[in-house]
Amino acid sequence: MPSYQTTGIVLARTNYSEADRILRVLTPDRGKVSVLAKGARRIKSRAGGHLELFGEVTFMLATGRNLDVVTQARLKWYPHHLTEDYRRLSLAFLMAQITDRLTAEGHATDGVYWTFLEALHAVDTGAAGSLPELWYKLRILGLCGFQPALSACLVCGRHDESAPYAFSPEKGGILCQPDAAPSDAAMSPSVIKLWRLLSAHNYQSVANITSAADLATATLPLCDEFYEHHLGKSFHVASAQNPG
């Protein structure tokens, strides 16, 4: 069988047969792929210890009829500190679930792999709470083509950096006050600016912005409503489940 090498992050694992595992792996060059790790659950498996969730792994894969097969695996990096804090571990699970939901099998999307890897590094080194969660949710939306409209009113096109707007999760962006419905939540210029920054920049560049954490806590529910309306599901740290 033809074989090839790639690097990937393990998003999820499913037990298969008596000793095998099916892995969902995010790669920079092939997007998300599902691969079969034969014998990975055996105690004496050479590859098993290299295939932990959230690990960045160098794979050698043999092309298979339905699933490509892991023939070699070597762990490059693993976020060892995640297990020290349940909140950060839950956030990593949440980010993996979002990535899995927004990416398609075999379709590489520019920046998704490196953003997810950056997120794991940030969480592993102490990032926690609403700010990294909101950052990742907005950043991945933008990379995958679902970004909320934050530059001008969706109805009339008004663009005024100093004017207050409202946010409509259902319509998918900001609305000027004359066009907003009474049920739409107010969104201040400072919040709009923060959301734009979170959507476009890496985490370290926004982590120390004054009042960013408080604004993220206050507006994270709006982002969750956006997910619910446009992706059919919202994602919460409290409900994040171990995907394998």
Protein backbone atom coordinates (compact mmCIF):
# COMPACT_ATOMS: atom_id res chain seq x y z
CA MET A 1 0.00 0.00 0.00
CA PRO A 2 1.23 3.54 -0.72
CA SER A 3 2.27 5.43 2.40
CA TYR A 4 2.82 9.05 3.33
CA GLN A 5 3.95 11.15 6.29
CA THR A 6 2.05 13.97 7.95
CA THR A 7 1.82 15.79 11.27
CA GLY A 8 -1.44 15.98 13.17
CA ILE A 9 -3.15 16.74 16.47
CA VAL A 10 -5.42 14.07 17.90
CA LEU A 11 -8.92 15.59 18.22
CA ALA A 12 -10.85 12.50 19.26
CA ARG A 13 -10.52 8.73 19.66
CA THR A 14 -13.01 5.88 19.36
CA ASN A 15 -12.37 2.31 20.47
CA TYR A 16 -12.73 -0.15 17.60
CA SER A 17 -12.68 -3.92 17.55
CA GLU A 18 -10.84 -5.63 20.40
CA ALA A 19 -7.65 -3.59 20.47
CA ASP A 20 -7.82 -0.92 17.77
CA ARG A 21 -8.67 2.77 17.80
CA ILE A 22 -10.06 5.14 15.20
CA LEU A 23 -8.54 8.59 15.57
CA ARG A 24 -9.79 11.90 14.22
CA VAL A 25 -6.66 13.89 13.49
CA LEU A 26 -6.29 17.53 12.45
CA THR A 27 -3.44 18.04 9.98
CA PRO A 28 -2.07 21.22 8.36
CA ASP A 29 -1.94 19.76 4.85
CA ARG A 30 -4.92 17.38 4.64
CA GLY A 31 -7.39 18.92 7.05
CA LYS A 32 -9.22 16.55 9.36
CA VAL A 33 -8.69 12.86 8.69
CA SER A 34 -9.88 9.66 10.35
CA VAL A 35 -7.24 6.95 10.66
CA LEU A 36 -7.06 3.45 12.09
CA ALA A 37 -4.47 2.65 14.75
CA LYS A 38 -4.32 -1.14 14.86
CA GLY A 39 -3.50 -2.64 18.26
CA ALA A 40 -3.21 0.79 19.87
CA ARG A 41 -5.04 -0.36 23.01
CA ARG A 42 -2.71 -3.26 23.66
CA ILE A 43 -0.36 -2.79 26.61
CA LYS A 44 2.71 -3.60 24.48
CA SER A 45 1.68 -1.35 21.57
CA ARG A 46 4.60 0.77 20.37
CA ALA A 47 2.31 3.47 19.00
CA GLY A 48 -0.30 3.59 21.77
CA GLY A 49 1.61 5.97 24.04
CA HIS A 50 2.12 8.40 21.18
CA LEU A 51 -1.58 8.75 20.34
CA GLU A 52 -2.98 10.65 23.32
CA LEU A 53 -5.68 13.30 22.92
CA PHE A 54 -4.28 16.79 22.11
CA GLY A 55 -0.84 15.41 21.28
CA GLU A 56 0.98 16.71 18.21
CA VAL A 57 2.18 13.61 16.43
CA THR A 58 4.28 12.77 13.38
CA PHE A 59 2.45 9.99 11.53
CA MET A 60 3.42 7.51 8.86
CA LEU A 61 0.18 6.35 7.25
CA ALA A 62 -0.60 3.62 4.76
CA THR A 63 -3.43 4.34 2.35
CA GLY A 64 -6.37 2.04 3.05
CA ARG A 65 -9.66 1.28 1.33
CA ASN A 66 -11.85 3.00 3.93
CA LEU A 67 -9.41 4.38 6.49
CA ASP A 68 -5.71 5.08 6.26
CA VAL A 69 -3.71 2.99 8.72
CA VAL A 70 -1.13 4.21 11.23
CA THR A 71 2.13 2.38 10.61
CA GLN A 72 4.35 4.65 12.72
CA ALA A 73 3.67 7.44 15.22
CA ARG A 74 6.02 9.69 17.15
CA LEU A 75 4.84 12.25 19.69
CA LYS A 76 6.30 15.71 19.00
CA TRP A 77 4.59 17.69 21.76
CA TYR A 78 1.98 17.14 24.44
CA PRO A 79 0.25 19.65 26.79
CA HIS A 80 1.23 17.89 30.03
CA HIS A 81 -0.01 20.67 32.34
CA LEU A 82 -3.64 20.34 31.21
CA THR A 83 -4.26 17.49 33.63
CA GLU A 84 -3.35 19.76 36.54
CA ASP A 85 -6.44 21.95 36.14
CA TYR A 86 -9.91 20.62 35.34
CA ARG A 87 -11.10 23.99 33.98
CA ARG A 88 -8.27 24.21 31.46
CA LEU A 89 -8.68 20.56 30.51
CA SER A 90 -12.40 21.18 29.90
CA LEU A 91 -11.53 24.19 27.76
CA ALA A 92 -9.18 22.06 25.66
CA PHE A 93 -11.96 19.49 25.16
CA LEU A 94 -14.31 22.30 24.15
CA MET A 95 -11.86 23.67 21.59
CA ALA A 96 -11.39 20.18 20.15
CA GLN A 97 -15.16 19.71 19.84
CA ILE A 98 -15.57 23.05 18.08
CA THR A 99 -12.71 22.27 15.71
CA ASP A 100 -14.16 18.86 14.96
CA ARG A 101 -17.60 20.37 14.28
CA LEU A 102 -16.40 23.20 12.01
CA THR A 103 -13.92 21.24 9.89
CA ALA A 104 -14.67 18.78 7.12
CA GLU A 105 -12.91 15.49 6.42
CA GLY A 106 -10.09 15.86 3.92
CA HIS A 107 -10.48 19.62 3.48
CA ALA A 108 -7.60 21.75 4.78
CA THR A 109 -8.55 25.26 5.91
CA ASP A 110 -5.79 27.86 6.14
CA GLY A 111 -4.78 28.61 9.69
CA VAL A 112 -7.05 26.17 11.55
CA TYR A 113 -4.28 23.72 12.47
CA TRP A 114 -1.93 26.42 13.71
CA THR A 115 -4.67 28.24 15.60
CA PHE A 116 -5.73 25.06 17.38
CA LEU A 117 -2.10 24.30 18.24
CA GLU A 118 -1.67 27.87 19.52
CA ALA A 119 -4.80 27.46 21.64
CA LEU A 120 -3.50 24.25 23.22
CA HIS A 121 -0.18 25.92 24.03
CA ALA A 122 -1.99 28.90 25.59
CA VAL A 123 -4.26 26.74 27.72
CA ASP A 124 -1.38 24.47 28.72
CA THR A 125 0.58 27.50 29.98
CA GLY A 126 -2.24 28.93 32.06
CA ALA A 127 -4.89 30.57 29.85
CA ALA A 128 -8.34 29.97 31.32
CA GLY A 129 -11.75 31.56 31.62
CA SER A 130 -13.98 33.42 29.20
CA LEU A 131 -11.31 35.31 27.25
CA PRO A 132 -9.50 32.34 25.65
CA GLU A 133 -12.85 30.65 25.12
CA LEU A 134 -14.34 33.66 23.33
CA TRP A 135 -11.12 34.21 21.40
CA TYR A 136 -11.10 30.66 20.07
CA LYS A 137 -14.79 30.62 19.25
CA LEU A 138 -14.53 33.84 17.23
CA ARG A 139 -11.16 33.03 15.66
CA ILE A 140 -12.24 29.62 14.40
CA LEU A 141 -15.50 31.08 13.04
CA GLY A 142 -13.51 33.53 10.95
CA LEU A 143 -11.09 30.91 9.66
CA CYS A 144 -13.95 28.60 8.65
CA GLY A 145 -16.04 31.28 6.93
CA PHE A 146 -18.72 31.80 9.59
CA GLN A 147 -17.48 35.06 11.13
CA PRO A 148 -20.18 37.44 12.49
CA ALA A 149 -20.56 40.72 10.60
CA LEU A 150 -18.91 43.34 12.81
CA SER A 151 -17.94 46.16 10.43
CA ALA A 152 -21.29 47.81 9.65
CA CYS A 153 -25.03 47.51 10.19
CA LEU A 154 -26.34 44.43 8.39
CA VAL A 155 -29.49 46.29 7.28
CA CYS A 156 -28.45 49.79 6.22
CA GLY A 157 -24.65 49.50 6.07
CA ARG A 158 -24.05 52.28 8.60
CA HIS A 159 -20.46 52.35 9.84
CA ASP A 160 -19.78 54.59 12.83
CA GLU A 161 -16.96 53.68 15.20
CA SER A 162 -18.43 55.75 18.04
CA ALA A 163 -22.10 54.79 17.72
CA PRO A 164 -23.74 52.10 19.84
CA TYR A 165 -25.01 49.05 18.01
CA ALA A 166 -26.96 45.93 18.87
CA PHE A 167 -26.01 42.36 18.07
CA SER A 168 -28.42 39.92 16.47
CA PRO A 169 -27.28 36.28 16.77
CA GLU A 170 -30.09 35.30 14.42
CA LYS A 171 -29.19 37.79 11.68
CA GLY A 172 -25.48 37.18 12.22
CA GLY A 173 -23.99 40.53 13.18
CA ILE A 174 -24.38 44.10 14.36
CA LEU A 175 -27.32 46.40 13.69
CA CYS A 176 -27.60 50.13 14.21
CA GLN A 177 -30.18 51.12 16.79
CA PRO A 178 -32.92 52.16 14.29
CA ASP A 179 -32.68 48.74 12.62
CA ALA A 180 -32.31 46.64 15.76
CA ALA A 181 -35.17 44.72 17.33
CA PRO A 182 -36.03 45.35 21.00
CA SER A 183 -34.76 41.85 21.83
CA ASP A 184 -31.31 42.43 20.29
CA ALA A 185 -28.61 42.94 22.91
CA ALA A 186 -26.76 46.25 22.98
CA MET A 187 -23.15 46.07 21.85
CA SER A 188 -20.88 48.95 22.74
CA PRO A 189 -18.05 50.22 20.50
CA SER A 190 -15.50 48.74 22.93
CA VAL A 191 -17.08 45.28 22.68
CA ILE A 192 -17.26 45.48 18.88
CA LYS A 193 -13.60 46.45 18.77
CA LEU A 194 -12.65 43.59 21.09
CA TRP A 195 -14.58 41.04 19.01
CA ARG A 196 -12.84 42.27 15.87
CA LEU A 197 -9.45 41.88 17.53
CA LEU A 198 -10.28 38.42 18.85
CA SER A 199 -11.45 37.36 15.40
CA ALA A 200 -8.28 38.45 13.63
CA HIS A 201 -5.30 38.11 15.97
CA ASN A 202 -3.43 35.48 17.94
CA TYR A 203 -4.20 35.00 21.60
CA GLN A 204 -1.04 36.52 23.05
CA SER A 205 -1.68 39.81 21.26
CA VAL A 206 -5.07 40.22 22.95
CA ALA A 207 -4.52 38.48 26.30
CA ASN A 208 -3.37 41.59 28.15
CA ILE A 209 -5.86 44.11 26.79
CA THR A 210 -7.33 46.10 29.67
CA SER A 211 -10.85 44.96 30.61
CA ALA A 212 -10.82 42.28 27.87
CA ALA A 213 -11.53 39.47 30.34
CA ASP A 214 -14.55 41.28 31.81
CA LEU A 215 -15.95 42.14 28.38
CA ALA A 216 -15.43 38.53 27.26
CA THR A 217 -17.34 37.21 30.28
CA ALA A 218 -20.22 39.60 29.62
CA THR A 219 -20.53 38.86 25.89
CA LEU A 220 -19.63 35.17 25.61
CA PRO A 221 -23.36 34.24 25.79
CA LEU A 222 -23.96 36.27 22.60
CA CYS A 223 -21.32 34.24 20.80
CA ASP A 224 -22.94 31.05 22.07
CA GLU A 225 -26.30 32.20 20.70
CA PHE A 226 -24.63 32.86 17.33
CA TYR A 227 -23.33 29.28 17.33
CA GLU A 228 -26.79 27.98 18.17
CA HIS A 229 -28.47 29.88 15.34
CA HIS A 230 -25.90 29.29 12.60
CA LEU A 231 -24.30 25.95 13.48
CA GLY A 232 -27.18 24.24 15.23
CA LYS A 233 -25.29 23.83 18.49
CA SER A 234 -23.73 25.91 21.22
CA PHE A 235 -20.60 24.79 23.05
CA HIS A 236 -19.98 25.27 26.77
CA VAL A 237 -17.05 24.37 28.98
CA ALA A 238 -19.34 22.90 31.63
CA SER A 239 -20.79 20.40 29.13
CA ALA A 240 -17.57 19.56 27.26
CA GLN A 241 -17.12 15.81 27.23
CA ASN A 242 -14.04 13.68 26.82
CA PRO A 243 -14.04 12.67 23.11
CA GLY A 244 -12.13 9.47 23.68
